[in-house]
Amino acid sequence: MQIKNKVIVVTGAGSGIGKALVSRFMSLEAQTVIAVDLHSDTAQQTAAECGCVAITADVGKEDDVRRVIEETERTAGPIDLFCSNAGVALGPDEQANNDEWQTSWDVNVMSHVYASRYLVPRMIKRGGGYFLITASAAGLLNQIGGAAYGTTKHAAVGFAEWLALTYAHQGIKVSMLCPQAVRTPMIANIDDQGSQAASGDGMIEPEQLAEIVVEHLEREAFLILTHREVKEYMTRKAADYDRWIGGMNRLFRKLAGIA
């Protein structure tokens, strides 16, 4: 996929990965980029800095996602690429309150479902379209110190796979972004155990990630990784699940200072 002249929506665009994607897409002469964020001020700031359009929405709410799609297609034209990027890092363990677990589910999983629910029929009718779903390396490997995050990102991976395997023959393309540590406000808010575990293989800047994404979109690759080590960890996990669990427990105890 080439970005030039495309109509693109990016959720979670007020900062971090989303903002970097907006900036890179604009530099590649996208026709229109819609920067969607929960917070009006950050959405507007991205729009002012990048020269795009801002929409305020809570992507954990179905009506808001539908509004974003309808407003974009009414004012800018058919959406070519929908980057379902917004996410939250809540619920460190099973004791976290139900609101944190529910918000994690709504934003990290259902936002992707809502976007596809309203866009897939439209895209099929006009011959195809593209989804970029931001999951996480935690969706492939889990997340120490992040029970709700790791669980819902696994679900996001499952949905992205399902979306791709179900509609590929009807022109629906899917890329699944599974970054490890990226220097964003989200990782700054994760507890020490989680941030140490995520950044063990180094931390990259959002702008580096955006470049990786563009390269993979051009090849229409399904899996987008920012750290090559993740693929090795996936292989080890699949080869010997028990050994992998044991190794992760040792890492958890080390980070938690448990003998």
Protein backbone atom coordinates (compact mmCIF):
# COMPACT_ATOMS: atom_id res chain seq x y z
CA MET A 1 0.00 0.00 0.00
CA GLN A 2 1.21 3.46 -0.89
CA ILE A 3 0.23 6.28 1.46
CA LYS A 4 0.13 9.04 -1.13
CA ASN A 5 -3.41 10.31 -1.89
CA LYS A 6 -5.01 8.01 0.67
CA VAL A 7 -7.72 8.89 3.21
CA ILE A 8 -6.48 7.65 6.57
CA VAL A 9 -7.87 7.58 10.11
CA VAL A 10 -5.54 7.21 13.10
CA THR A 11 -6.96 6.70 16.58
CA GLY A 12 -4.98 7.51 19.70
CA ALA A 13 -3.37 10.26 17.66
CA GLY A 14 -2.88 12.81 20.41
CA SER A 15 0.58 11.55 21.31
CA GLY A 16 3.08 8.71 21.00
CA ILE A 17 2.65 6.15 18.25
CA GLY A 18 -0.53 7.65 16.85
CA LYS A 19 0.91 11.13 16.52
CA ALA A 20 4.06 9.76 14.87
CA LEU A 21 1.96 7.82 12.35
CA VAL A 22 -0.06 10.94 11.51
CA SER A 23 3.10 12.96 10.98
CA ARG A 24 4.68 10.32 8.75
CA PHE A 25 1.54 9.82 6.68
CA MET A 26 1.24 13.56 6.12
CA SER A 27 4.87 13.73 5.02
CA LEU A 28 4.09 11.05 2.42
CA GLU A 29 1.30 13.21 0.96
CA ALA A 30 -1.74 11.38 2.19
CA GLN A 31 -4.86 13.03 0.85
CA THR A 32 -6.40 13.43 4.31
CA VAL A 33 -5.41 12.17 7.74
CA ILE A 34 -7.95 12.23 10.55
CA ALA A 35 -6.33 12.43 14.00
CA VAL A 36 -8.71 10.90 16.53
CA ASP A 37 -8.15 11.16 20.27
CA LEU A 38 -10.13 11.02 23.49
CA HIS A 39 -8.77 14.41 24.49
CA SER A 40 -9.75 17.37 22.33
CA ASP A 41 -6.68 19.42 23.20
CA THR A 42 -4.17 16.75 22.17
CA ALA A 43 -6.10 15.92 19.00
CA GLN A 44 -6.11 19.60 18.07
CA GLN A 45 -2.41 19.91 18.86
CA THR A 46 -1.60 17.01 16.53
CA ALA A 47 -3.75 18.60 13.84
CA ALA A 48 -2.03 21.96 14.26
CA GLU A 49 1.47 20.47 14.15
CA CYS A 50 0.85 18.01 11.31
CA GLY A 51 -1.66 19.87 9.18
CA CYS A 52 -4.36 17.22 9.44
CA VAL A 53 -7.95 17.08 10.73
CA ALA A 54 -8.85 16.42 14.37
CA ILE A 55 -11.85 14.55 15.73
CA THR A 56 -12.50 13.96 19.41
CA ALA A 57 -13.90 10.52 20.22
CA ASP A 58 -13.84 7.72 22.78
CA VAL A 59 -13.09 4.63 20.69
CA GLY A 60 -14.26 2.41 23.52
CA LYS A 61 -17.80 3.55 22.63
CA GLU A 62 -19.42 2.11 19.52
CA ASP A 63 -21.36 5.27 18.70
CA ASP A 64 -18.19 7.34 18.73
CA VAL A 65 -16.38 4.99 16.34
CA ARG A 66 -19.37 5.00 14.00
CA ARG A 67 -19.44 8.82 14.13
CA VAL A 68 -15.74 9.03 13.23
CA ILE A 69 -16.24 6.76 10.22
CA GLU A 70 -19.40 8.48 8.99
CA GLU A 71 -17.98 11.99 9.45
CA THR A 72 -14.74 11.10 7.70
CA GLU A 73 -16.42 9.46 4.73
CA ARG A 74 -18.90 12.31 4.43
CA THR A 75 -16.28 15.08 4.48
CA ALA A 76 -13.07 13.49 3.18
CA GLY A 77 -14.18 10.49 1.15
CA PRO A 78 -13.91 6.70 1.49
CA ILE A 79 -11.43 5.57 4.14
CA ASP A 80 -8.52 3.68 2.57
CA LEU A 81 -6.63 2.90 5.78
CA PHE A 82 -8.03 2.75 9.30
CA CYS A 83 -5.33 2.68 11.96
CA SER A 84 -7.01 1.35 15.09
CA ASN A 85 -4.22 2.40 17.39
CA ALA A 86 -5.67 3.71 20.65
CA GLY A 87 -4.90 1.67 23.74
CA VAL A 88 -4.76 1.79 27.53
CA ALA A 89 -2.45 0.16 30.08
CA LEU A 90 -4.60 -0.52 33.13
CA GLY A 91 -5.22 -3.42 35.52
CA PRO A 92 -1.83 -4.58 36.81
CA ASP A 93 -3.18 -7.82 38.30
CA GLU A 94 -6.31 -9.83 39.08
CA GLN A 95 -7.05 -7.54 42.04
CA ALA A 96 -7.53 -4.50 39.78
CA ASN A 97 -11.06 -3.15 39.87
CA ASN A 98 -13.68 -4.11 37.31
CA ASP A 99 -13.68 -0.64 35.74
CA GLU A 100 -10.01 -1.01 34.76
CA TRP A 101 -10.65 -4.44 33.27
CA GLN A 102 -13.73 -3.22 31.39
CA THR A 103 -12.02 -0.12 30.03
CA SER A 104 -9.12 -2.30 28.89
CA TRP A 105 -11.53 -4.57 27.06
CA ASP A 106 -13.48 -1.70 25.49
CA VAL A 107 -10.45 0.22 24.22
CA ASN A 108 -7.93 -2.54 23.52
CA VAL A 109 -10.35 -4.98 21.87
CA MET A 110 -13.82 -3.66 21.11
CA SER A 111 -12.54 -0.51 19.39
CA HIS A 112 -11.13 -2.79 16.65
CA VAL A 113 -14.41 -4.68 16.46
CA TYR A 114 -16.43 -1.46 16.15
CA ALA A 115 -14.18 -0.09 13.39
CA SER A 116 -14.44 -3.28 11.35
CA ARG A 117 -18.17 -3.61 12.02
CA TYR A 118 -18.88 -0.34 10.23
CA LEU A 119 -16.05 -0.31 7.70
CA VAL A 120 -15.77 -3.89 6.41
CA PRO A 121 -19.14 -3.84 4.57
CA ARG A 122 -18.32 -0.46 3.02
CA MET A 123 -14.83 -1.55 2.00
CA ILE A 124 -16.03 -4.81 0.47
CA LYS A 125 -18.69 -2.94 -1.50
CA ARG A 126 -16.08 -0.63 -3.02
CA GLY A 127 -13.49 -3.34 -3.67
CA GLY A 128 -11.32 -3.43 -0.55
CA GLY A 129 -9.61 -1.53 2.21
CA TYR A 130 -6.90 -1.71 4.84
CA PHE A 131 -6.79 -1.99 8.63
CA LEU A 132 -3.73 -1.40 10.79
CA ILE A 133 -4.47 -2.82 14.24
CA THR A 134 -2.10 -1.89 17.04
CA ALA A 135 -1.79 -4.81 19.42
CA SER A 136 1.53 -5.24 21.25
CA ALA A 137 4.37 -7.65 21.75
CA ALA A 138 2.43 -8.30 24.97
CA GLY A 139 -0.30 -9.79 22.80
CA LEU A 140 2.19 -12.39 21.61
CA LEU A 141 4.25 -12.87 24.78
CA ASN A 142 2.18 -11.40 27.64
CA GLN A 143 3.12 -8.57 30.01
CA ILE A 144 4.74 -8.83 33.41
CA GLY A 145 2.95 -6.40 35.72
CA GLY A 146 0.08 -5.91 33.28
CA ALA A 147 -2.67 -8.54 33.61
CA ALA A 148 -5.46 -6.66 31.84
CA TYR A 149 -3.07 -5.26 29.24
CA GLY A 150 -1.54 -8.63 28.36
CA THR A 151 -4.92 -10.35 28.30
CA THR A 152 -6.69 -7.81 26.10
CA LYS A 153 -3.74 -7.47 23.75
CA HIS A 154 -3.88 -11.24 23.23
CA ALA A 155 -7.52 -10.76 22.28
CA ALA A 156 -6.56 -7.97 19.88
CA VAL A 157 -4.09 -10.30 18.18
CA GLY A 158 -6.79 -12.95 17.87
CA PHE A 159 -9.24 -10.50 16.32
CA ALA A 160 -6.69 -9.14 13.85
CA GLU A 161 -5.89 -12.70 12.74
CA TRP A 162 -9.59 -13.50 12.41
CA LEU A 163 -10.28 -10.36 10.41
CA ALA A 164 -7.45 -11.13 7.98
CA LEU A 165 -8.25 -14.80 7.46
CA THR A 166 -11.97 -14.18 7.04
CA TYR A 167 -11.97 -11.31 4.53
CA ALA A 168 -8.68 -11.57 2.60
CA HIS A 169 -10.47 -12.91 -0.48
CA GLN A 170 -12.78 -9.87 -0.47
CA GLY A 171 -10.01 -7.31 -0.62
CA ILE A 172 -9.67 -6.58 3.09
CA LYS A 173 -6.02 -6.25 4.07
CA VAL A 174 -4.81 -6.27 7.67
CA SER A 175 -1.51 -5.45 9.31
CA MET A 176 -1.03 -6.13 13.01
CA LEU A 177 1.45 -3.90 14.81
CA CYS A 178 3.10 -5.56 17.82
CA PRO A 179 5.70 -3.15 19.18
CA GLN A 180 7.85 -3.78 22.19
CA ALA A 181 9.09 -0.73 24.12
CA VAL A 182 8.40 2.62 22.44
CA ARG A 183 9.06 5.92 24.20
CA THR A 184 5.47 7.11 24.69
CA PRO A 185 3.36 8.49 27.55
CA MET A 186 1.80 5.02 27.92
CA ILE A 187 5.04 3.27 28.83
CA ALA A 188 5.84 6.09 31.22
CA ASN A 189 2.65 5.20 33.11
CA ILE A 190 3.38 1.45 33.37
CA ASP A 191 4.78 0.26 36.70
CA ASP A 192 8.50 -0.40 37.06
CA GLN A 193 8.21 -4.16 36.55
CA GLY A 194 6.25 -3.74 33.35
CA SER A 195 8.46 -1.03 31.89
CA GLN A 196 11.66 -2.91 32.73
CA ALA A 197 10.31 -6.10 31.15
CA ALA A 198 9.12 -4.31 28.02
CA SER A 199 12.32 -2.32 27.52
CA GLY A 200 14.77 -5.18 28.08
CA ASP A 201 15.65 -5.23 24.38
CA GLY A 202 15.89 -1.47 24.09
CA MET A 203 13.42 1.34 23.57
CA ILE A 204 12.77 3.00 20.24
CA GLU A 205 11.29 6.39 19.39
CA PRO A 206 7.78 6.72 17.92
CA GLU A 207 9.25 8.17 14.74
CA GLN A 208 11.32 5.02 14.23
CA LEU A 209 8.22 2.92 14.66
CA ALA A 210 6.32 5.00 12.10
CA GLU A 211 9.03 4.35 9.53
CA ILE A 212 8.87 0.60 10.23
CA VAL A 213 5.10 0.69 9.80
CA VAL A 214 5.29 2.45 6.44
CA GLU A 215 7.82 -0.08 5.16
CA HIS A 216 5.57 -2.98 6.18
CA LEU A 217 2.43 -1.36 4.77
CA GLU A 218 4.18 -1.04 1.43
CA ARG A 219 4.76 -4.82 1.50
CA GLU A 220 1.29 -5.44 2.96
CA ALA A 221 2.82 -7.62 5.66
CA PHE A 222 0.49 -8.95 8.34
CA LEU A 223 2.85 -8.93 11.34
CA ILE A 224 4.80 -5.77 12.10
CA LEU A 225 7.47 -6.08 14.79
CA THR A 226 9.71 -3.30 16.06
CA HIS A 227 12.20 -5.60 17.83
CA ARG A 228 13.55 -8.67 16.04
CA GLU A 229 13.96 -10.46 19.38
CA VAL A 230 10.18 -10.84 19.66
CA LYS A 231 10.07 -13.37 16.84
CA GLU A 232 12.73 -15.43 18.62
CA TYR A 233 10.73 -15.32 21.85
CA MET A 234 7.62 -16.44 19.96
CA THR A 235 9.53 -19.40 18.57
CA ARG A 236 10.78 -20.40 22.02
CA LYS A 237 7.29 -20.09 23.48
CA ALA A 238 5.77 -22.33 20.80
CA ALA A 239 8.59 -24.87 21.01
CA ASP A 240 8.40 -25.44 24.77
CA TYR A 241 5.52 -23.71 26.56
CA ASP A 242 6.43 -25.06 30.02
CA ARG A 243 10.02 -23.86 29.75
CA TRP A 244 8.83 -20.46 28.55
CA ILE A 245 6.44 -20.08 31.51
CA GLY A 246 9.27 -21.01 33.86
CA GLY A 247 11.57 -18.47 32.29
CA MET A 248 8.95 -15.73 32.49
CA ASN A 249 8.33 -16.54 36.15
CA ARG A 250 12.04 -16.22 36.86
CA LEU A 251 12.05 -12.85 35.10
CA PHE A 252 9.03 -11.74 37.12
CA ARG A 253 10.70 -12.73 40.40
CA LYS A 254 13.89 -10.94 39.40
CA LEU A 255 12.06 -7.72 38.57
CA ALA A 256 9.92 -7.98 41.70
CA GLY A 257 12.92 -8.68 43.93
CA ILE A 258 11.54 -12.06 45.00
CA ALA A 259 14.13 -14.69 45.94
